[in-house]
Amino acid sequence: MPNIGPTELIIVLVIALLILGPKKLPGLGKSLGTGMREFKDSITGGSKDDDKHKLNASDDDDPVTPEQHDDAISRRHG
């Protein structure tokens, strides 16, 4: 399998820029990254966002008042 060096990578990016244009290239990169992430998550059986949501979920769904928020911030910072 041939090694892809920085020169070859630059050539491929320049060709993609010429074909797609500067307006569509960032969107293509974003959609490609999202698709790869979804594929990886489907292979591994879950996503990190699900784990974060489970850790941050609380048993009560009561809203936090501004005073409670300020108290929590002041306790955290000393």
C-alpha atoms as a PDB file:
ATOM      1  CA  MET A   1       0.000   0.000   0.000  1.00  0.00           C
ATOM      2  CA  PRO A   2       1.546   3.305  -1.006  1.00  0.00           C
ATOM      3  CA  ASN A   3       2.286   5.930   1.598  1.00  0.00           C
ATOM      4  CA  ILE A   4       0.460   9.235   1.249  1.00  0.00           C
ATOM      5  CA  GLY A   5       2.763  12.100   2.073  1.00  0.00           C
ATOM      6  CA  PRO A   6       2.105  15.781   2.557  1.00  0.00           C
ATOM      7  CA  THR A   7       2.723  16.548  -1.121  1.00  0.00           C
ATOM      8  CA  GLU A   8       0.097  14.089  -2.316  1.00  0.00           C
ATOM      9  CA  LEU A   9      -2.353  15.318   0.310  1.00  0.00           C
ATOM     10  CA  ILE A  10      -1.905  18.933  -0.819  1.00  0.00           C
ATOM     11  CA  ILE A  11      -2.442  17.924  -4.456  1.00  0.00           C
ATOM     12  CA  VAL A  12      -5.679  16.112  -3.582  1.00  0.00           C
ATOM     13  CA  LEU A  13      -6.934  19.104  -1.541  1.00  0.00           C
ATOM     14  CA  VAL A  14      -6.141  21.549  -4.363  1.00  0.00           C
ATOM     15  CA  ILE A  15      -7.979  19.376  -6.892  1.00  0.00           C
ATOM     16  CA  ALA A  16     -10.982  19.120  -4.532  1.00  0.00           C
ATOM     17  CA  LEU A  17     -10.935  22.886  -4.069  1.00  0.00           C
ATOM     18  CA  LEU A  18     -10.897  23.433  -7.839  1.00  0.00           C
ATOM     19  CA  ILE A  19     -13.716  20.971  -8.478  1.00  0.00           C
ATOM     20  CA  LEU A  20     -16.034  21.857  -5.598  1.00  0.00           C
ATOM     21  CA  GLY A  21     -15.193  25.489  -4.976  1.00  0.00           C
ATOM     22  CA  PRO A  22     -14.400  27.272  -1.742  1.00  0.00           C
ATOM     23  CA  LYS A  23     -18.039  27.553  -0.626  1.00  0.00           C
ATOM     24  CA  LYS A  24     -18.913  23.857  -0.749  1.00  0.00           C
ATOM     25  CA  LEU A  25     -15.640  22.374   0.534  1.00  0.00           C
ATOM     26  CA  PRO A  26     -16.193  23.120   4.280  1.00  0.00           C
ATOM     27  CA  GLY A  27     -19.706  21.675   4.152  1.00  0.00           C
ATOM     28  CA  LEU A  28     -18.407  18.559   2.445  1.00  0.00           C
ATOM     29  CA  GLY A  29     -15.750  18.136   5.132  1.00  0.00           C
ATOM     30  CA  LYS A  30     -18.313  18.563   7.891  1.00  0.00           C
ATOM     31  CA  SER A  31     -20.720  16.049   6.386  1.00  0.00           C
ATOM     32  CA  LEU A  32     -17.888  13.584   5.781  1.00  0.00           C
ATOM     33  CA  GLY A  33     -16.775  13.898   9.419  1.00  0.00           C
ATOM     34  CA  THR A  34     -20.325  13.486  10.682  1.00  0.00           C
ATOM     35  CA  GLY A  35     -20.825  10.398   8.545  1.00  0.00           C
ATOM     36  CA  MET A  36     -17.577   8.849   9.733  1.00  0.00           C
ATOM     37  CA  ARG A  37     -18.498   9.553  13.375  1.00  0.00           C
ATOM     38  CA  GLU A  38     -21.953   8.002  12.946  1.00  0.00           C
ATOM     39  CA  PHE A  39     -20.417   4.956  11.267  1.00  0.00           C
ATOM     40  CA  LYS A  40     -17.907   4.542  14.105  1.00  0.00           C
ATOM     41  CA  ASP A  41     -20.659   4.905  16.703  1.00  0.00           C
ATOM     42  CA  SER A  42     -22.788   2.285  14.968  1.00  0.00           C
ATOM     43  CA  ILE A  43     -19.845  -0.118  14.879  1.00  0.00           C
ATOM     44  CA  THR A  44     -18.884   0.408  18.537  1.00  0.00           C
ATOM     45  CA  GLY A  45     -22.489   0.326  19.711  1.00  0.00           C
ATOM     46  CA  GLY A  46     -23.030   3.804  21.123  1.00  0.00           C
ATOM     47  CA  SER A  47     -21.824   7.347  21.326  1.00  0.00           C
ATOM     48  CA  LYS A  48     -20.044   9.434  23.898  1.00  0.00           C
ATOM     49  CA  ASP A  49     -22.955  11.891  23.957  1.00  0.00           C
ATOM     50  CA  ASP A  50     -25.233   9.170  25.334  1.00  0.00           C
ATOM     51  CA  ASP A  51     -22.771   8.463  28.140  1.00  0.00           C
ATOM     52  CA  LYS A  52     -22.438  12.166  29.000  1.00  0.00           C
ATOM     53  CA  HIS A  53     -26.209  12.543  29.064  1.00  0.00           C
ATOM     54  CA  LYS A  54     -26.554   9.602  31.457  1.00  0.00           C
ATOM     55  CA  LEU A  55     -23.899  11.018  33.776  1.00  0.00           C
ATOM     56  CA  ASN A  56     -25.409  14.515  33.835  1.00  0.00           C
ATOM     57  CA  ALA A  57     -29.024  13.407  34.242  1.00  0.00           C
ATOM     58  CA  SER A  58     -30.515  13.993  37.654  1.00  0.00           C
ATOM     59  CA  ASP A  59     -33.411  12.226  39.311  1.00  0.00           C
ATOM     60  CA  ASP A  60     -35.404  15.420  39.761  1.00  0.00           C
ATOM     61  CA  ASP A  61     -36.363  17.649  36.882  1.00  0.00           C
ATOM     62  CA  ASP A  62     -36.854  20.804  38.972  1.00  0.00           C
ATOM     63  CA  PRO A  63     -35.426  23.911  37.328  1.00  0.00           C
ATOM     64  CA  VAL A  64     -32.488  25.604  39.006  1.00  0.00           C
ATOM     65  CA  THR A  65     -33.118  29.127  40.231  1.00  0.00           C
ATOM     66  CA  PRO A  66     -30.525  31.848  39.604  1.00  0.00           C
ATOM     67  CA  GLU A  67     -29.776  31.923  43.347  1.00  0.00           C
ATOM     68  CA  GLN A  68     -29.042  28.179  43.395  1.00  0.00           C
ATOM     69  CA  HIS A  69     -26.809  28.600  40.376  1.00  0.00           C
ATOM     70  CA  ASP A  70     -24.877  31.464  41.989  1.00  0.00           C
ATOM     71  CA  ASP A  71     -24.499  29.459  45.224  1.00  0.00           C
ATOM     72  CA  ALA A  72     -23.105  26.493  43.306  1.00  0.00           C
ATOM     73  CA  ILE A  73     -20.637  28.721  41.435  1.00  0.00           C
ATOM     74  CA  SER A  74     -19.453  30.421  44.631  1.00  0.00           C
ATOM     75  CA  ARG A  75     -18.954  27.052  46.376  1.00  0.00           C
ATOM     76  CA  ARG A  76     -16.963  25.755  43.409  1.00  0.00           C
ATOM     77  CA  HIS A  77     -14.623  28.753  43.328  1.00  0.00           C
ATOM     78  CA  GLY A  78     -14.012  28.876  47.024  1.00  0.00           C
END
